[in-house]
């Protein structure tokens, strides 16, 4: 999935000459936590977060904090030259940037102009959508050998039971590098017939695996 499919396109921005007070008011009114800072031609020169604003002396320490906010220019408190994404970047690549650089938002630019933004919250919700976790259903985890065609063999069991698959994830088996763990989410609240079918075909079902219940 590409960033252009999930990014917010109507981006709220401010300029380096706006003040911290402007930023605080804009964030509160729009319920956002990050503001790209752009020049008049749309070039991104920085980004400001609610954390940056909190670093300005709070009112409990300085009686005139409103004055401080009014006189603090965003050009002075912003993070300059922020990490940027491109609309044709993959969501997975963006997730790596968030993790490695510990950022909360990624401005998206094309031909050096701001065209969108994606936040860590957006990425989390997209992950929920991709896994189907927001839909009623059941999750089944199967340990399989890491060999070509194994996913096809597993999927035949679901086909035979005429069960619709919402999502499929594959990750390494920590106990044995020769195996993989397949996580399959289905649109049925009763996974027992599938579990039985998987086991009859020689697959090891890791979840559901409730002690005392023989499926």
C-alpha atoms as a PDB file:
ATOM      1  CA  UNK A   1       0.000   0.000   0.000  1.00  0.00           C
ATOM      2  CA  UNK A   2       1.309   3.438  -0.974  1.00  0.00           C
ATOM      3  CA  UNK A   3       1.376   6.519   1.237  1.00  0.00           C
ATOM      4  CA  UNK A   4      -0.767   8.445  -1.237  1.00  0.00           C
ATOM      5  CA  UNK A   5      -3.602   6.039  -0.427  1.00  0.00           C
ATOM      6  CA  UNK A   6      -3.542   6.701   3.329  1.00  0.00           C
ATOM      7  CA  UNK A   7      -2.024  10.152   3.838  1.00  0.00           C
ATOM      8  CA  UNK A   8      -4.022  13.185   4.946  1.00  0.00           C
ATOM      9  CA  UNK A   9      -4.124  15.503   1.952  1.00  0.00           C
ATOM     10  CA  UNK A  10      -5.683  18.598   3.504  1.00  0.00           C
ATOM     11  CA  UNK A  11      -2.673  19.520   5.591  1.00  0.00           C
ATOM     12  CA  UNK A  12      -2.806  22.365   8.101  1.00  0.00           C
ATOM     13  CA  UNK A  13       0.442  24.317   8.070  1.00  0.00           C
ATOM     14  CA  UNK A  14       2.066  27.439   9.440  1.00  0.00           C
ATOM     15  CA  UNK A  15       5.077  29.493   8.406  1.00  0.00           C
ATOM     16  CA  UNK A  16       8.389  30.118  10.221  1.00  0.00           C
ATOM     17  CA  UNK A  17       7.191  33.634  11.081  1.00  0.00           C
ATOM     18  CA  UNK A  18       4.116  32.414  12.933  1.00  0.00           C
ATOM     19  CA  UNK A  19       4.409  32.249  16.694  1.00  0.00           C
ATOM     20  CA  UNK A  20       4.178  29.395  19.172  1.00  0.00           C
ATOM     21  CA  UNK A  21       0.878  30.904  20.302  1.00  0.00           C
ATOM     22  CA  UNK A  22      -0.426  30.567  16.728  1.00  0.00           C
ATOM     23  CA  UNK A  23       0.669  26.935  16.699  1.00  0.00           C
ATOM     24  CA  UNK A  24      -0.934  26.158  20.054  1.00  0.00           C
ATOM     25  CA  UNK A  25      -4.225  27.705  19.008  1.00  0.00           C
ATOM     26  CA  UNK A  26      -4.170  25.893  15.643  1.00  0.00           C
ATOM     27  CA  UNK A  27      -3.468  22.535  17.276  1.00  0.00           C
ATOM     28  CA  UNK A  28      -6.230  22.975  19.844  1.00  0.00           C
ATOM     29  CA  UNK A  29      -8.801  24.095  17.280  1.00  0.00           C
ATOM     30  CA  UNK A  30      -8.040  21.237  14.880  1.00  0.00           C
ATOM     31  CA  UNK A  31      -7.209  18.550  17.448  1.00  0.00           C
ATOM     32  CA  UNK A  32      -3.811  17.808  15.931  1.00  0.00           C
ATOM     33  CA  UNK A  33      -0.359  17.382  17.436  1.00  0.00           C
ATOM     34  CA  UNK A  34       1.963  18.159  14.510  1.00  0.00           C
ATOM     35  CA  UNK A  35       2.282  21.139  12.176  1.00  0.00           C
ATOM     36  CA  UNK A  36       4.497  21.170   9.090  1.00  0.00           C
ATOM     37  CA  UNK A  37       6.218  24.534   8.722  1.00  0.00           C
ATOM     38  CA  UNK A  38       6.330  25.683   5.107  1.00  0.00           C
ATOM     39  CA  UNK A  39       7.519  28.650   3.105  1.00  0.00           C
ATOM     40  CA  UNK A  40       5.133  30.575   0.864  1.00  0.00           C
ATOM     41  CA  UNK A  41       6.024  28.328  -2.113  1.00  0.00           C
ATOM     42  CA  UNK A  42       5.011  25.158  -0.238  1.00  0.00           C
ATOM     43  CA  UNK A  43       8.519  24.006   0.601  1.00  0.00           C
ATOM     44  CA  UNK A  44       8.723  22.191   3.930  1.00  0.00           C
ATOM     45  CA  UNK A  45      11.396  23.728   6.152  1.00  0.00           C
ATOM     46  CA  UNK A  46      10.467  22.235   9.523  1.00  0.00           C
ATOM     47  CA  UNK A  47       7.886  20.631  11.756  1.00  0.00           C
ATOM     48  CA  UNK A  48       6.516  21.574  15.172  1.00  0.00           C
ATOM     49  CA  UNK A  49       4.881  19.191  17.637  1.00  0.00           C
ATOM     50  CA  UNK A  50       2.892  19.783  20.786  1.00  0.00           C
ATOM     51  CA  UNK A  51       5.968  18.572  22.663  1.00  0.00           C
ATOM     52  CA  UNK A  52       7.999  21.444  21.209  1.00  0.00           C
ATOM     53  CA  UNK A  53       5.436  23.881  22.573  1.00  0.00           C
ATOM     54  CA  UNK A  54       5.523  22.244  25.991  1.00  0.00           C
ATOM     55  CA  UNK A  55       9.265  22.878  26.148  1.00  0.00           C
ATOM     56  CA  UNK A  56       8.556  26.610  26.264  1.00  0.00           C
ATOM     57  CA  UNK A  57       8.445  27.808  29.892  1.00  0.00           C
ATOM     58  CA  UNK A  58       5.017  26.895  31.324  1.00  0.00           C
ATOM     59  CA  UNK A  59       2.811  29.398  33.133  1.00  0.00           C
ATOM     60  CA  UNK A  60       3.507  27.811  36.523  1.00  0.00           C
ATOM     61  CA  UNK A  61       7.127  28.899  36.260  1.00  0.00           C
ATOM     62  CA  UNK A  62       6.839  32.187  34.450  1.00  0.00           C
ATOM     63  CA  UNK A  63       3.857  34.450  35.012  1.00  0.00           C
ATOM     64  CA  UNK A  64       3.911  35.786  31.467  1.00  0.00           C
ATOM     65  CA  UNK A  65       3.867  32.540  29.490  1.00  0.00           C
ATOM     66  CA  UNK A  66       1.339  33.979  27.043  1.00  0.00           C
ATOM     67  CA  UNK A  67       3.912  36.648  26.303  1.00  0.00           C
ATOM     68  CA  UNK A  68       6.565  33.951  25.802  1.00  0.00           C
ATOM     69  CA  UNK A  69       4.368  32.061  23.346  1.00  0.00           C
ATOM     70  CA  UNK A  70       3.610  35.244  21.443  1.00  0.00           C
ATOM     71  CA  UNK A  71       7.287  36.071  21.029  1.00  0.00           C
ATOM     72  CA  UNK A  72       8.570  32.588  20.203  1.00  0.00           C
ATOM     73  CA  UNK A  73       8.763  32.249  16.424  1.00  0.00           C
ATOM     74  CA  UNK A  74       8.210  28.800  14.953  1.00  0.00           C
ATOM     75  CA  UNK A  75      11.349  29.235  12.903  1.00  0.00           C
ATOM     76  CA  UNK A  76      13.282  29.214  16.176  1.00  0.00           C
ATOM     77  CA  UNK A  77      11.610  26.257  17.886  1.00  0.00           C
ATOM     78  CA  UNK A  78      10.744  23.963  14.956  1.00  0.00           C
ATOM     79  CA  UNK A  79      12.695  20.850  14.035  1.00  0.00           C
ATOM     80  CA  UNK A  80      14.438  21.991  10.836  1.00  0.00           C
ATOM     81  CA  UNK A  81      14.928  19.771   7.780  1.00  0.00           C
ATOM     82  CA  UNK A  82      12.480  17.085   8.954  1.00  0.00           C
ATOM     83  CA  UNK A  83      12.404  13.560   7.575  1.00  0.00           C
ATOM     84  CA  UNK A  84      10.105  13.505   4.551  1.00  0.00           C
ATOM     85  CA  UNK A  85       8.186  10.880   2.642  1.00  0.00           C
ATOM     86  CA  UNK A  86       6.994  10.597  -0.948  1.00  0.00           C
ATOM     87  CA  UNK A  87       3.453   9.648  -2.070  1.00  0.00           C
ATOM     88  CA  UNK A  88       4.833   6.581  -3.865  1.00  0.00           C
ATOM     89  CA  UNK A  89       6.650   5.254  -0.790  1.00  0.00           C
ATOM     90  CA  UNK A  90       5.211   2.116   0.752  1.00  0.00           C
ATOM     91  CA  UNK A  91       3.458   2.270   4.118  1.00  0.00           C
ATOM     92  CA  UNK A  92       5.899  -0.354   5.419  1.00  0.00           C
ATOM     93  CA  UNK A  93       8.838   1.923   4.556  1.00  0.00           C
ATOM     94  CA  UNK A  94       7.199   4.785   6.427  1.00  0.00           C
ATOM     95  CA  UNK A  95       6.691   2.545   9.460  1.00  0.00           C
ATOM     96  CA  UNK A  96      10.433   1.835   9.503  1.00  0.00           C
ATOM     97  CA  UNK A  97      11.161   5.580   9.491  1.00  0.00           C
ATOM     98  CA  UNK A  98       8.802   6.114  12.423  1.00  0.00           C
ATOM     99  CA  UNK A  99      10.484   3.326  14.370  1.00  0.00           C
ATOM    100  CA  UNK A 100      14.118   4.118  13.577  1.00  0.00           C
ATOM    101  CA  UNK A 101      13.890   7.890  14.022  1.00  0.00           C
ATOM    102  CA  UNK A 102      11.210   7.911  16.755  1.00  0.00           C
ATOM    103  CA  UNK A 103       9.119  10.525  14.949  1.00  0.00           C
ATOM    104  CA  UNK A 104       5.407  11.201  15.372  1.00  0.00           C
ATOM    105  CA  UNK A 105       4.562  12.532  11.919  1.00  0.00           C
ATOM    106  CA  UNK A 106       5.904  12.350   8.382  1.00  0.00           C
ATOM    107  CA  UNK A 107       5.262  15.192   5.920  1.00  0.00           C
ATOM    108  CA  UNK A 108       4.764  13.877   2.372  1.00  0.00           C
ATOM    109  CA  UNK A 109       6.268  15.897  -0.484  1.00  0.00           C
ATOM    110  CA  UNK A 110       6.246  15.677  -4.269  1.00  0.00           C
ATOM    111  CA  UNK A 111       8.418  17.868  -6.492  1.00  0.00           C
ATOM    112  CA  UNK A 112       9.603  19.568  -3.275  1.00  0.00           C
ATOM    113  CA  UNK A 113       6.068  20.668  -2.330  1.00  0.00           C
ATOM    114  CA  UNK A 114       3.958  19.459   0.588  1.00  0.00           C
ATOM    115  CA  UNK A 115       1.112  17.212  -0.580  1.00  0.00           C
ATOM    116  CA  UNK A 116       0.172  15.328   2.581  1.00  0.00           C
ATOM    117  CA  UNK A 117       1.073  14.089   6.036  1.00  0.00           C
ATOM    118  CA  UNK A 118       0.811  10.807   7.925  1.00  0.00           C
ATOM    119  CA  UNK A 119       1.065  10.349  11.684  1.00  0.00           C
ATOM    120  CA  UNK A 120       1.884   7.376  13.884  1.00  0.00           C
ATOM    121  CA  UNK A 121      -1.816   7.185  14.774  1.00  0.00           C
ATOM    122  CA  UNK A 122      -2.700   6.925  11.084  1.00  0.00           C
ATOM    123  CA  UNK A 123      -0.217   4.082  10.676  1.00  0.00           C
ATOM    124  CA  UNK A 124      -1.584   2.234  13.700  1.00  0.00           C
ATOM    125  CA  UNK A 125      -5.153   2.470  12.410  1.00  0.00           C
ATOM    126  CA  UNK A 126      -4.056   1.311   8.950  1.00  0.00           C
ATOM    127  CA  UNK A 127      -2.405  -1.715  10.561  1.00  0.00           C
ATOM    128  CA  UNK A 128      -5.670  -2.473  12.355  1.00  0.00           C
ATOM    129  CA  UNK A 129      -7.537  -2.225   9.045  1.00  0.00           C
ATOM    130  CA  UNK A 130      -5.053  -4.451   7.212  1.00  0.00           C
ATOM    131  CA  UNK A 131      -5.241  -7.164   9.856  1.00  0.00           C
ATOM    132  CA  UNK A 132      -9.023  -7.026   9.983  1.00  0.00           C
ATOM    133  CA  UNK A 133      -8.895  -6.654  13.765  1.00  0.00           C
ATOM    134  CA  UNK A 134     -11.704  -4.068  13.668  1.00  0.00           C
ATOM    135  CA  UNK A 135     -14.108  -6.630  12.192  1.00  0.00           C
ATOM    136  CA  UNK A 136     -15.863  -9.488  14.021  1.00  0.00           C
ATOM    137  CA  UNK A 137     -14.031 -12.745  13.488  1.00  0.00           C
ATOM    138  CA  UNK A 138     -11.520 -15.271  14.781  1.00  0.00           C
ATOM    139  CA  UNK A 139      -7.756 -15.561  14.613  1.00  0.00           C
ATOM    140  CA  UNK A 140      -5.884 -18.787  13.913  1.00  0.00           C
ATOM    141  CA  UNK A 141      -2.116 -19.237  14.209  1.00  0.00           C
ATOM    142  CA  UNK A 142      -0.434 -22.123  12.421  1.00  0.00           C
ATOM    143  CA  UNK A 143       3.212 -23.249  12.543  1.00  0.00           C
ATOM    144  CA  UNK A 144       4.395 -24.443   9.123  1.00  0.00           C
ATOM    145  CA  UNK A 145       7.725 -25.391   7.527  1.00  0.00           C
ATOM    146  CA  UNK A 146       9.348 -22.547   5.612  1.00  0.00           C
ATOM    147  CA  UNK A 147       9.074 -24.114   2.160  1.00  0.00           C
ATOM    148  CA  UNK A 148       7.646 -22.895  -1.155  1.00  0.00           C
ATOM    149  CA  UNK A 149       3.926 -23.517  -1.638  1.00  0.00           C
ATOM    150  CA  UNK A 150       3.079 -24.018   2.020  1.00  0.00           C
ATOM    151  CA  UNK A 151       0.707 -21.042   2.129  1.00  0.00           C
ATOM    152  CA  UNK A 152      -1.220 -22.549  -0.765  1.00  0.00           C
ATOM    153  CA  UNK A 153      -1.540 -25.842   1.100  1.00  0.00           C
ATOM    154  CA  UNK A 154      -2.877 -24.066   4.180  1.00  0.00           C
ATOM    155  CA  UNK A 155      -5.291 -21.957   2.144  1.00  0.00           C
ATOM    156  CA  UNK A 156      -6.843 -25.091   0.613  1.00  0.00           C
ATOM    157  CA  UNK A 157      -8.207 -26.007   4.035  1.00  0.00           C
ATOM    158  CA  UNK A 158     -10.001 -22.660   4.255  1.00  0.00           C
ATOM    159  CA  UNK A 159     -11.291 -23.108   0.719  1.00  0.00           C
ATOM    160  CA  UNK A 160     -12.629 -26.569   1.515  1.00  0.00           C
ATOM    161  CA  UNK A 161     -14.517 -25.130   4.499  1.00  0.00           C
ATOM    162  CA  UNK A 162     -15.802 -22.213   2.379  1.00  0.00           C
ATOM    163  CA  UNK A 163     -14.426 -19.721   4.893  1.00  0.00           C
ATOM    164  CA  UNK A 164     -13.657 -16.126   3.955  1.00  0.00           C
ATOM    165  CA  UNK A 165     -10.198 -14.920   5.016  1.00  0.00           C
ATOM    166  CA  UNK A 166      -9.951 -11.321   6.251  1.00  0.00           C
ATOM    167  CA  UNK A 167      -6.158 -11.107   6.487  1.00  0.00           C
ATOM    168  CA  UNK A 168      -2.972 -13.177   6.450  1.00  0.00           C
ATOM    169  CA  UNK A 169       0.282 -12.341   8.238  1.00  0.00           C
ATOM    170  CA  UNK A 170       3.503 -14.346   8.159  1.00  0.00           C
ATOM    171  CA  UNK A 171       6.357 -13.966  10.624  1.00  0.00           C
ATOM    172  CA  UNK A 172       9.425 -16.020  11.674  1.00  0.00           C
ATOM    173  CA  UNK A 173       9.165 -18.759  14.273  1.00  0.00           C
ATOM    174  CA  UNK A 174      11.373 -17.753  17.208  1.00  0.00           C
ATOM    175  CA  UNK A 175      11.770 -21.376  18.269  1.00  0.00           C
ATOM    176  CA  UNK A 176      12.917 -22.739  14.907  1.00  0.00           C
ATOM    177  CA  UNK A 177      14.218 -20.707  11.955  1.00  0.00           C
ATOM    178  CA  UNK A 178      13.156 -23.528   9.619  1.00  0.00           C
ATOM    179  CA  UNK A 179       9.502 -22.682  10.342  1.00  0.00           C
ATOM    180  CA  UNK A 180       7.123 -19.797   9.844  1.00  0.00           C
ATOM    181  CA  UNK A 181       4.044 -18.726  11.789  1.00  0.00           C
ATOM    182  CA  UNK A 182       0.984 -17.945   9.677  1.00  0.00           C
ATOM    183  CA  UNK A 183      -1.646 -15.771  11.350  1.00  0.00           C
ATOM    184  CA  UNK A 184      -4.999 -15.954   9.603  1.00  0.00           C
ATOM    185  CA  UNK A 185      -8.067 -13.937  10.553  1.00  0.00           C
ATOM    186  CA  UNK A 186     -11.421 -15.242   9.356  1.00  0.00           C
ATOM    187  CA  UNK A 187     -14.939 -13.794   9.351  1.00  0.00           C
ATOM    188  CA  UNK A 188     -16.346 -16.570  11.509  1.00  0.00           C
ATOM    189  CA  UNK A 189     -16.739 -16.600  15.271  1.00  0.00           C
ATOM    190  CA  UNK A 190     -16.443 -20.399  15.301  1.00  0.00           C
ATOM    191  CA  UNK A 191     -12.955 -21.519  14.187  1.00  0.00           C
ATOM    192  CA  UNK A 192     -13.291 -25.096  15.531  1.00  0.00           C
ATOM    193  CA  UNK A 193     -14.123 -26.820  12.194  1.00  0.00           C
ATOM    194  CA  UNK A 194     -11.139 -25.099  10.573  1.00  0.00           C
ATOM    195  CA  UNK A 195      -8.812 -26.027  13.407  1.00  0.00           C
ATOM    196  CA  UNK A 196      -9.880 -29.636  13.061  1.00  0.00           C
ATOM    197  CA  UNK A 197      -9.374 -29.475   9.303  1.00  0.00           C
ATOM    198  CA  UNK A 198      -5.912 -27.979   9.674  1.00  0.00           C
ATOM    199  CA  UNK A 199      -4.849 -30.660  12.143  1.00  0.00           C
ATOM    200  CA  UNK A 200      -6.251 -33.421   9.957  1.00  0.00           C
ATOM    201  CA  UNK A 201      -4.021 -32.110   7.180  1.00  0.00           C
ATOM    202  CA  UNK A 202      -0.965 -32.292   9.418  1.00  0.00           C
ATOM    203  CA  UNK A 203      -0.658 -28.642  10.417  1.00  0.00           C
ATOM    204  CA  UNK A 204       0.242 -27.538  13.940  1.00  0.00           C
ATOM    205  CA  UNK A 205      -2.311 -25.065  15.274  1.00  0.00           C
ATOM    206  CA  UNK A 206      -0.820 -22.790  17.916  1.00  0.00           C
ATOM    207  CA  UNK A 207      -3.903 -20.668  18.552  1.00  0.00           C
ATOM    208  CA  UNK A 208      -6.646 -21.146  19.615  1.00  0.00           C
ATOM    209  CA  UNK A 209      -5.161 -23.823  21.877  1.00  0.00           C
ATOM    210  CA  UNK A 210      -7.097 -23.744  25.131  1.00  0.00           C
ATOM    211  CA  UNK A 211      -6.071 -26.370  27.721  1.00  0.00           C
ATOM    212  CA  UNK A 212      -8.829 -28.863  28.397  1.00  0.00           C
ATOM    213  CA  UNK A 213     -10.626 -28.267  25.102  1.00  0.00           C
ATOM    214  CA  UNK A 214     -10.109 -30.922  22.439  1.00  0.00           C
ATOM    215  CA  UNK A 215     -10.919 -29.721  18.961  1.00  0.00           C
END
